């Protein structure tokens, strides 16, 4: 009797999806930082800097730090995925 050859299982993929304001962002971990990718391909980076966590979305870039963190950074902090 010939031994049967089993087909290896398919690799399991996991994704984190964050919904903000009706938009689904795909969360991608890059080292200690995060990328948030919208369905249209727009991508925002949440990165650790000397002054804390920053986001490169338009609101965070143009509003400045005096207006508080953007919704992307606020959401990741609320989920415990990064610290201010």
Foldseek 3Di string as FASTA:
>chain_A
DDDDDDDDDDDDDDWDWDADPNWTWTWDDDPLKIWTATPVGDIWIFDQDPVGTAIPPPCPVPVDPVVPHDPVVVVCVVVVSGDD
